[in-house]
Amino acid sequence: MSSEPVSLDLDRRSFMKASALAGGLALGGGATGHALAQEGGEEPPDGALGNEGEMVKTVCNYCSVGCGFKGERKGDAFVGQEPWFENPHNNGSLCSKGASIYGTEHSEKRLKHPMRLEGGEWQKISWSDALAEITDEFERIRREHGPDSVMWMGSAHFANEEAYAFRKLAALYGTTNVDHQARICHSTTVSGLANTWGYGAMTNTLNDYRNYDLLFIIGQNPAEAHPISMQHILEGQKRGGKIINVDPRYTKTSAHADEFHRMRPGTDVALMMGIMRYLRDQGELDRGMLADRVQGWPDVEVELDKYDLDTVADITWISRESIKHLGDQFIEHKPNIQIEWAMGGTQHNNGTQNIRSYALTGLATSGIGRAGGGMQVMRGHANVQGATDLGPNSHILPGYYSVE
């Protein structure tokens, strides 16, 4: 590899065209990615098909579990799919979405080239024509209406590099009107955890599910939403861990749990504060952890005073006895307690406070920063975390630097 620095001597228009091409190839797979799915009579692009097949280890692009599989590549074309049994996330297994990636890639319904609507009919056009038209239109809009008249919508399916380039492209255009689906996904998790201990991400690896003594699942249904991760959860249960599921609905995850408690929707904060209040009343908060490694805990103590058992029972519709029982379970199993959530915790008008209450409970039971304990935050898409860290956000720059 050359040690010479890379120079990007591009004007604004050239950068926009290059970025658009890179994004199109990454998201759509490019023409070569569909070499075996060409419509009748079309020839594969030059170099798309080689003579020898090659097995390449890769990662599923759907949810956040990150399952691996082996893709067979012939030239630049994806021609087959096989299990990757040594992958530590999924041990070769895939859910229905992951198992269908090859079929999706070569679906007859998938767009294989740019199209333009002309006279009521969609007509194929070249990439050069498409990119030139897009660039001209962007420049016209900015000239006539200003850069803030365009909203740039990124994606949590972008790789880190794509997310970074997309954010740069919007900045080059002259606007911070850029965002992606984490805004209505786990943005409350990022805010809640970042405001609790400085960084908005899960604290554990997927494999650490196998080490919990208590897994407290609230606002998440991994058996259906992240079925491959459920294998690790059940392995932890097999090793002696206990699963408690708290949810307004009885789900497939509830069926696997050791205990299920039905709660009133939207009362997560009251429940978690009530559990912490019970632990405090029993003298079971980790005072050493709170005194040595947590700042501002006295402010939490003031809030805990409001959440006695009767108040929490009235708010959550969970009985006094059940709240006490949940508290006893935390006492019995701490510090190896993992708290897991997903959209059921975030999608509330007080979602950030829900997440802060989960995190505070982790601190109060000394479960943070150790194997077997911590926050298991299950994202919805393949790169919600990376895209948020590095890319399309209106209020922050890559790396969480303020736009101000």
Protein backbone atom coordinates (compact mmCIF):
# COMPACT_ATOMS: atom_id res chain seq x y z
CA MET A 1 0.00 0.00 0.00
CA SER A 2 1.31 3.44 -0.92
CA SER A 3 2.32 5.75 1.90
CA GLU A 4 1.59 8.83 -0.22
CA PRO A 5 -1.30 10.95 1.10
CA VAL A 6 -4.52 10.82 -0.88
CA SER A 7 -5.52 14.09 -2.52
CA LEU A 8 -9.16 14.84 -3.30
CA ASP A 9 -8.84 17.69 -5.75
CA LEU A 10 -12.57 17.94 -6.56
CA ASP A 11 -14.86 20.88 -7.07
CA ARG A 12 -18.31 20.87 -5.49
CA ARG A 13 -20.06 19.47 -8.56
CA SER A 14 -17.54 16.66 -9.06
CA PHE A 15 -17.72 15.68 -5.39
CA MET A 16 -21.51 15.49 -5.54
CA LYS A 17 -21.43 13.26 -8.62
CA ALA A 18 -18.75 11.00 -7.12
CA SER A 19 -20.62 10.72 -3.80
CA ALA A 20 -23.89 9.94 -5.53
CA LEU A 21 -22.22 7.21 -7.59
CA ALA A 22 -20.58 5.67 -4.52
CA GLY A 23 -23.86 5.71 -2.60
CA GLY A 24 -25.73 4.18 -5.51
CA LEU A 25 -23.23 1.37 -5.87
CA ALA A 26 -23.18 0.67 -2.13
CA LEU A 27 -26.94 0.65 -1.69
CA GLY A 28 -27.97 -0.92 -4.97
CA GLY A 29 -25.02 -3.21 -5.51
CA GLY A 30 -24.29 -1.58 -8.85
CA ALA A 31 -24.71 -3.18 -12.23
CA THR A 32 -22.22 -5.93 -11.49
CA GLY A 33 -24.06 -7.05 -8.38
CA HIS A 34 -26.95 -8.06 -10.62
CA ALA A 35 -24.91 -9.77 -13.30
CA LEU A 36 -26.88 -12.99 -12.94
CA ALA A 37 -30.22 -11.23 -12.72
CA GLN A 38 -30.16 -9.33 -15.99
CA GLU A 39 -33.33 -9.11 -17.98
CA GLY A 40 -33.54 -11.20 -21.10
CA GLY A 41 -31.05 -10.30 -23.78
CA GLU A 42 -28.85 -8.06 -21.60
CA GLU A 43 -25.16 -8.85 -21.34
CA PRO A 44 -23.41 -8.69 -17.95
CA PRO A 45 -21.03 -5.73 -17.56
CA ASP A 46 -17.42 -6.36 -18.52
CA GLY A 47 -15.54 -8.10 -15.71
CA ALA A 48 -18.70 -8.90 -13.75
CA LEU A 49 -18.29 -12.65 -14.10
CA GLY A 50 -14.99 -14.37 -13.56
CA ASN A 51 -14.16 -17.99 -14.19
CA GLU A 52 -13.70 -19.09 -10.58
CA GLY A 53 -16.09 -18.76 -7.65
CA GLU A 54 -14.82 -17.43 -4.31
CA MET A 55 -16.41 -17.76 -0.86
CA VAL A 56 -16.34 -14.47 1.03
CA LYS A 57 -17.27 -13.95 4.68
CA THR A 58 -19.75 -11.12 5.05
CA VAL A 59 -22.45 -9.74 7.36
CA CYS A 60 -26.22 -9.60 7.00
CA ASN A 61 -27.47 -6.08 6.32
CA TYR A 62 -30.84 -6.25 8.06
CA CYS A 63 -31.01 -5.92 11.86
CA SER A 64 -28.40 -5.03 14.46
CA VAL A 65 -27.46 -8.59 15.44
CA GLY A 66 -24.85 -8.73 12.68
CA CYS A 67 -25.17 -12.35 11.64
CA GLY A 68 -22.50 -13.65 9.32
CA PHE A 69 -22.79 -15.81 6.23
CA LYS A 70 -20.57 -16.82 3.33
CA GLY A 71 -21.38 -15.31 -0.03
CA GLU A 72 -20.10 -16.91 -3.18
CA ARG A 73 -18.61 -14.32 -5.49
CA LYS A 74 -17.87 -14.91 -9.13
CA GLY A 75 -16.05 -11.91 -10.50
CA ASP A 76 -18.08 -9.06 -9.07
CA ALA A 77 -21.35 -10.99 -8.93
CA PHE A 78 -23.06 -12.53 -5.87
CA VAL A 79 -23.92 -16.03 -7.05
CA GLY A 80 -24.55 -18.10 -3.90
CA GLN A 81 -24.98 -18.14 -0.13
CA GLU A 82 -23.83 -20.65 2.50
CA PRO A 83 -23.72 -20.78 6.33
CA TRP A 84 -20.76 -19.40 8.27
CA PHE A 85 -20.77 -21.82 11.18
CA GLU A 86 -17.78 -20.28 12.99
CA ASN A 87 -19.37 -16.83 13.28
CA PRO A 88 -19.73 -16.07 17.02
CA HIS A 89 -22.98 -14.14 16.59
CA ASN A 90 -25.13 -16.70 14.83
CA ASN A 91 -23.10 -19.93 14.53
CA GLY A 92 -24.32 -20.36 10.97
CA SER A 93 -28.02 -19.84 11.58
CA LEU A 94 -30.04 -17.03 9.97
CA CYS A 95 -33.55 -15.74 10.40
CA SER A 96 -35.96 -15.67 7.44
CA LYS A 97 -34.73 -12.25 6.32
CA GLY A 98 -31.06 -13.18 6.38
CA ALA A 99 -31.69 -16.48 4.66
CA SER A 100 -33.46 -14.67 1.81
CA ILE A 101 -30.66 -12.20 0.98
CA TYR A 102 -29.65 -14.05 -2.18
CA GLY A 103 -33.24 -14.14 -3.40
CA THR A 104 -33.69 -10.45 -2.63
CA GLU A 105 -30.50 -9.56 -4.47
CA HIS A 106 -31.65 -11.33 -7.61
CA SER A 107 -35.36 -10.61 -7.42
CA GLU A 108 -37.02 -9.84 -10.74
CA LYS A 109 -38.72 -6.91 -9.03
CA ARG A 110 -35.46 -5.25 -8.02
CA LEU A 111 -34.37 -2.12 -9.88
CA LYS A 112 -31.22 -2.81 -11.86
CA HIS A 113 -30.50 0.56 -13.46
CA PRO A 114 -31.68 4.20 -13.29
CA MET A 115 -35.14 4.89 -14.71
CA ARG A 116 -36.82 8.13 -15.84
CA LEU A 117 -40.57 8.65 -16.23
CA GLU A 118 -41.18 9.85 -19.79
CA GLY A 119 -44.65 10.17 -21.26
CA GLY A 120 -46.12 8.03 -18.50
CA GLU A 121 -43.63 5.21 -19.07
CA TRP A 122 -40.45 4.34 -17.15
CA GLN A 123 -37.45 4.41 -19.46
CA LYS A 124 -33.93 3.12 -18.74
CA ILE A 125 -31.20 5.78 -18.69
CA SER A 126 -27.46 5.61 -18.10
CA TRP A 127 -25.78 6.31 -14.77
CA SER A 128 -24.01 9.30 -16.33
CA ASP A 129 -27.29 10.84 -17.47
CA ALA A 130 -28.93 10.15 -14.12
CA LEU A 131 -26.12 11.67 -12.07
CA ALA A 132 -25.87 14.70 -14.34
CA GLU A 133 -29.60 15.33 -14.06
CA ILE A 134 -29.58 14.91 -10.27
CA THR A 135 -26.60 17.25 -9.89
CA ASP A 136 -28.13 19.89 -12.18
CA GLU A 137 -31.40 19.80 -10.25
CA PHE A 138 -29.63 20.10 -6.89
CA GLU A 139 -27.71 23.09 -8.14
CA ARG A 140 -30.86 24.73 -9.53
CA ILE A 141 -32.73 24.27 -6.24
CA ARG A 142 -29.85 25.70 -4.21
CA ARG A 143 -29.49 28.65 -6.58
CA GLU A 144 -33.21 29.49 -6.54
CA HIS A 145 -34.22 28.52 -3.00
CA GLY A 146 -31.03 28.20 -0.95
CA PRO A 147 -29.28 25.14 0.52
CA ASP A 148 -31.69 24.73 3.42
CA SER A 149 -34.54 24.01 0.99
CA VAL A 150 -33.27 20.42 0.63
CA MET A 151 -33.65 17.70 3.26
CA TRP A 152 -30.99 14.97 3.01
CA MET A 153 -32.29 11.64 4.32
CA GLY A 154 -29.57 9.17 5.22
CA SER A 155 -29.94 5.63 6.44
CA ALA A 156 -28.95 3.34 9.28
CA HIS A 157 -28.19 0.79 6.58
CA PHE A 158 -25.22 2.91 5.53
CA ALA A 159 -21.79 1.62 6.47
CA ASN A 160 -19.77 3.99 8.67
CA GLU A 161 -17.85 5.33 5.69
CA GLU A 162 -21.03 5.95 3.68
CA ALA A 163 -22.66 7.71 6.64
CA TYR A 164 -19.63 9.97 7.04
CA ALA A 165 -19.51 10.78 3.32
CA PHE A 166 -23.25 11.48 3.24
CA ARG A 167 -22.95 13.95 6.12
CA LYS A 168 -20.02 15.61 4.36
CA LEU A 169 -22.03 15.84 1.15
CA ALA A 170 -24.86 17.68 2.93
CA ALA A 171 -22.34 20.03 4.55
CA LEU A 172 -20.71 20.65 1.17
CA TYR A 173 -24.14 21.53 -0.18
CA GLY A 174 -24.37 24.08 2.62
CA THR A 175 -26.95 22.70 5.04
CA THR A 176 -27.38 20.77 8.27
CA ASN A 177 -30.80 19.51 7.11
CA VAL A 178 -29.66 15.89 7.29
CA ASP A 179 -30.98 12.99 9.33
CA HIS A 180 -31.73 9.27 9.32
CA GLN A 181 -34.16 6.86 10.95
CA ALA A 182 -32.42 6.79 14.33
CA ARG A 183 -34.30 10.03 14.98
CA ILE A 184 -37.47 7.98 15.47
CA CYS A 185 -35.68 4.79 16.50
CA HIS A 186 -33.03 4.90 19.23
CA SER A 187 -32.31 8.63 19.46
CA THR A 188 -33.79 8.55 22.97
CA THR A 189 -31.34 5.79 23.86
CA VAL A 190 -28.41 7.86 22.64
CA SER A 191 -29.64 10.88 24.62
CA GLY A 192 -30.57 8.89 27.72
CA LEU A 193 -27.33 6.95 27.99
CA ALA A 194 -25.10 9.83 26.89
CA ASN A 195 -26.63 12.06 29.55
CA THR A 196 -26.13 9.32 32.16
CA TRP A 197 -22.57 8.20 31.47
CA GLY A 198 -21.34 10.06 28.43
CA TYR A 199 -21.86 7.68 25.51
CA GLY A 200 -25.07 6.42 23.94
CA ALA A 201 -24.42 2.76 23.22
CA MET A 202 -24.95 -0.69 24.67
CA THR A 203 -22.35 -1.72 27.22
CA ASN A 204 -22.05 -5.42 26.38
CA THR A 205 -21.27 -7.75 23.51
CA LEU A 206 -23.96 -10.01 22.14
CA ASN A 207 -22.16 -13.06 23.48
CA ASP A 208 -22.28 -11.66 27.01
CA TYR A 209 -25.95 -12.67 27.12
CA ARG A 210 -24.59 -16.04 28.17
CA ASN A 211 -23.26 -14.63 31.45
CA TYR A 212 -26.25 -12.94 33.08
CA ASP A 213 -27.76 -14.06 36.34
CA LEU A 214 -30.87 -11.97 35.67
CA LEU A 215 -32.01 -10.63 32.31
CA PHE A 216 -34.69 -7.98 32.73
CA ILE A 217 -36.43 -7.48 29.36
CA ILE A 218 -38.66 -4.43 29.16
CA GLY A 219 -39.93 -2.87 25.94
CA GLN A 220 -38.44 -5.55 23.70
CA ASN A 221 -39.51 -8.81 22.09
CA PRO A 222 -36.26 -10.45 20.93
CA ALA A 223 -37.88 -13.80 20.11
CA GLU A 224 -39.57 -12.10 17.17
CA ALA A 225 -37.59 -8.89 16.59
CA HIS A 226 -34.07 -10.35 16.96
CA PRO A 227 -34.56 -14.12 16.80
CA ILE A 228 -30.89 -15.00 16.36
CA SER A 229 -29.96 -13.05 19.49
CA MET A 230 -32.57 -15.14 21.32
CA GLN A 231 -30.25 -18.13 20.98
CA HIS A 232 -27.72 -16.38 23.22
CA ILE A 233 -30.45 -15.36 25.65
CA LEU A 234 -31.69 -18.93 25.95
CA GLU A 235 -28.11 -20.18 26.38
CA GLY A 236 -27.76 -17.81 29.33
CA GLN A 237 -30.98 -19.20 30.74
CA LYS A 238 -29.73 -22.75 30.21
CA ARG A 239 -26.62 -21.85 32.21
CA GLY A 240 -28.76 -20.86 35.17
CA GLY A 241 -29.73 -17.27 34.36
CA LYS A 242 -33.25 -16.04 34.99
CA ILE A 243 -35.37 -14.10 32.49
CA ILE A 244 -38.01 -11.63 33.66
CA ASN A 245 -40.17 -10.03 30.99
CA VAL A 246 -42.19 -6.90 31.74
CA ASP A 247 -44.49 -5.82 28.94
CA PRO A 248 -48.07 -4.69 28.28
CA ARG A 249 -48.43 -7.70 25.94
CA TYR A 250 -47.76 -11.39 26.36
CA THR A 251 -45.32 -12.13 23.54
CA LYS A 252 -43.23 -15.04 22.28
CA THR A 253 -40.44 -13.72 24.49
CA SER A 254 -42.81 -13.85 27.45
CA ALA A 255 -43.41 -17.54 26.69
CA HIS A 256 -39.66 -18.19 27.07
CA ALA A 257 -39.30 -16.10 30.23
CA ASP A 258 -39.22 -17.48 33.76
CA GLU A 259 -41.56 -14.69 34.84
CA PHE A 260 -43.93 -12.33 33.03
CA HIS A 261 -45.40 -9.17 34.56
CA ARG A 262 -47.97 -7.11 32.69
CA MET A 263 -47.50 -3.35 33.05
CA ARG A 264 -49.46 -0.28 32.09
CA PRO A 265 -48.01 1.15 28.84
CA GLY A 266 -45.69 4.12 29.32
CA THR A 267 -44.98 3.64 33.03
CA ASP A 268 -41.40 2.39 32.74
CA VAL A 269 -39.92 5.26 34.77
CA ALA A 270 -42.24 4.69 37.71
CA LEU A 271 -41.46 0.96 37.74
CA MET A 272 -37.68 1.38 37.62
CA MET A 273 -37.71 4.16 40.21
CA GLY A 274 -39.94 2.01 42.40
CA ILE A 275 -37.51 -0.90 42.18
CA MET A 276 -34.61 1.39 43.09
CA ARG A 277 -36.62 2.86 45.98
CA TYR A 278 -37.31 -0.67 47.26
CA LEU A 279 -33.60 -1.55 47.02
CA ARG A 280 -32.76 1.61 48.96
CA ASP A 281 -35.32 0.83 51.64
CA GLN A 282 -33.80 -2.64 52.00
CA GLY A 283 -30.29 -1.21 52.23
CA GLU A 284 -29.30 -2.96 48.98
CA LEU A 285 -28.04 -0.09 46.81
CA ASP A 286 -24.33 -0.42 46.02
CA ARG A 287 -23.22 2.59 48.06
CA GLY A 288 -19.57 2.05 47.26
CA MET A 289 -20.24 2.20 43.53
CA LEU A 290 -22.49 5.24 43.89
CA ALA A 291 -20.07 7.12 46.13
CA ASP A 292 -16.87 6.36 44.23
CA ARG A 293 -17.94 6.27 40.61
CA VAL A 294 -21.25 8.13 40.19
CA GLN A 295 -21.73 11.88 40.27
CA GLY A 296 -25.04 13.52 41.12
CA TRP A 297 -26.63 10.52 42.84
CA PRO A 298 -28.11 12.68 45.65
CA ASP A 299 -30.36 14.24 42.99
CA VAL A 300 -31.67 10.76 42.19
CA GLU A 301 -32.31 10.10 45.89
CA VAL A 302 -34.64 13.10 46.02
CA GLU A 303 -36.67 11.66 43.14
CA LEU A 304 -36.78 8.19 44.70
CA ASP A 305 -38.65 9.62 47.67
CA LYS A 306 -41.68 10.06 45.40
CA TYR A 307 -41.93 6.38 44.40
CA ASP A 308 -43.21 4.34 47.33
CA LEU A 309 -44.82 0.97 46.61
CA ASP A 310 -48.41 2.23 46.71
CA THR A 311 -47.67 5.07 44.29
CA VAL A 312 -45.82 2.81 41.86
CA ALA A 313 -48.56 0.18 42.00
CA ASP A 314 -51.16 2.82 41.22
CA ILE A 315 -49.17 4.15 38.25
CA THR A 316 -47.98 0.86 36.71
CA TRP A 317 -50.96 -1.42 37.50
CA ILE A 318 -48.46 -3.91 38.95
CA SER A 319 -49.34 -4.99 42.47
CA ARG A 320 -47.33 -4.03 45.57
CA GLU A 321 -46.44 -7.67 46.09
CA SER A 322 -45.16 -8.05 42.52
CA ILE A 323 -43.06 -4.87 42.77
CA LYS A 324 -41.52 -6.14 45.99
CA HIS A 325 -40.88 -9.48 44.31
CA LEU A 326 -39.14 -7.77 41.39
CA GLY A 327 -37.02 -5.84 43.85
CA ASP A 328 -36.11 -9.05 45.64
CA GLN A 329 -35.04 -10.57 42.32
CA PHE A 330 -32.70 -7.62 41.71
CA ILE A 331 -31.28 -8.04 45.21
CA GLU A 332 -30.76 -11.76 44.74
CA HIS A 333 -29.05 -11.56 41.36
CA LYS A 334 -27.05 -8.31 41.43
CA PRO A 335 -24.55 -7.35 40.13
CA ASN A 336 -24.89 -9.68 37.12
CA ILE A 337 -28.11 -8.08 35.93
CA GLN A 338 -28.64 -7.13 32.31
CA ILE A 339 -31.45 -4.79 31.28
CA GLU A 340 -32.64 -5.09 27.69
CA TRP A 341 -34.91 -2.81 25.69
CA ALA A 342 -35.69 -1.74 22.14
CA MET A 343 -38.54 0.24 20.56
CA GLY A 344 -40.92 -0.47 23.42
CA GLY A 345 -38.71 1.66 25.66
CA THR A 346 -37.81 4.41 23.24
CA GLN A 347 -41.08 5.19 21.44
CA HIS A 348 -42.64 7.42 24.09
CA ASN A 349 -42.84 11.15 24.63
CA ASN A 350 -40.69 10.51 27.70
CA GLY A 351 -38.49 7.91 26.00
CA THR A 352 -35.23 9.57 27.07
CA GLN A 353 -36.31 9.38 30.70
CA ASN A 354 -37.25 5.72 30.28
CA ILE A 355 -33.70 4.98 29.17
CA ARG A 356 -32.19 7.06 31.96
CA SER A 357 -34.22 5.07 34.49
CA TYR A 358 -32.88 1.79 33.08
CA ALA A 359 -29.31 3.12 33.23
CA LEU A 360 -29.71 4.43 36.78
CA THR A 361 -30.96 1.02 37.87
CA GLY A 362 -27.84 -0.53 36.35
CA LEU A 363 -25.66 1.87 38.31
CA ALA A 364 -27.59 1.31 41.51
CA THR A 365 -27.04 -2.44 41.28
CA SER A 366 -23.37 -2.14 40.18
CA GLY A 367 -24.04 -3.97 36.94
CA ILE A 368 -22.31 -1.50 34.65
CA GLY A 369 -18.79 -2.16 33.38
CA ARG A 370 -18.68 -5.88 34.07
CA ALA A 371 -19.26 -9.10 32.17
CA GLY A 372 -22.72 -10.47 32.92
CA GLY A 373 -24.18 -7.08 33.78
CA GLY A 374 -24.98 -3.99 31.78
CA MET A 375 -27.37 -2.55 29.21
CA GLN A 376 -28.33 -4.72 26.24
CA VAL A 377 -29.64 -2.17 23.75
CA MET A 378 -31.04 -3.94 20.69
CA ARG A 379 -31.07 -1.67 17.65
CA GLY A 380 -33.53 -2.08 14.83
CA HIS A 381 -31.35 -1.67 11.75
CA ALA A 382 -27.90 -2.89 10.80
CA ASN A 383 -25.94 0.27 11.64
CA VAL A 384 -28.06 2.57 13.78
CA GLN A 385 -25.11 2.99 16.14
CA GLY A 386 -22.44 3.63 13.53
CA ALA A 387 -24.60 5.95 11.47
CA THR A 388 -25.41 7.98 14.56
CA ASP A 389 -21.76 8.07 15.63
CA LEU A 390 -20.39 9.15 12.28
CA GLY A 391 -23.00 10.54 10.00
CA PRO A 392 -26.38 11.92 9.10
CA ASN A 393 -27.47 13.98 12.09
CA SER A 394 -28.81 17.52 11.97
CA HIS A 395 -27.67 18.60 15.44
CA ILE A 396 -24.21 17.04 15.64
CA LEU A 397 -21.17 16.44 13.48
CA PRO A 398 -19.43 13.06 13.18
CA GLY A 399 -18.06 12.05 16.57
CA TYR A 400 -20.79 13.99 18.47
CA TYR A 401 -19.23 17.41 17.96
CA SER A 402 -21.80 20.19 18.11
CA VAL A 403 -22.76 22.02 14.93
CA GLU A 404 -22.73 25.28 16.89
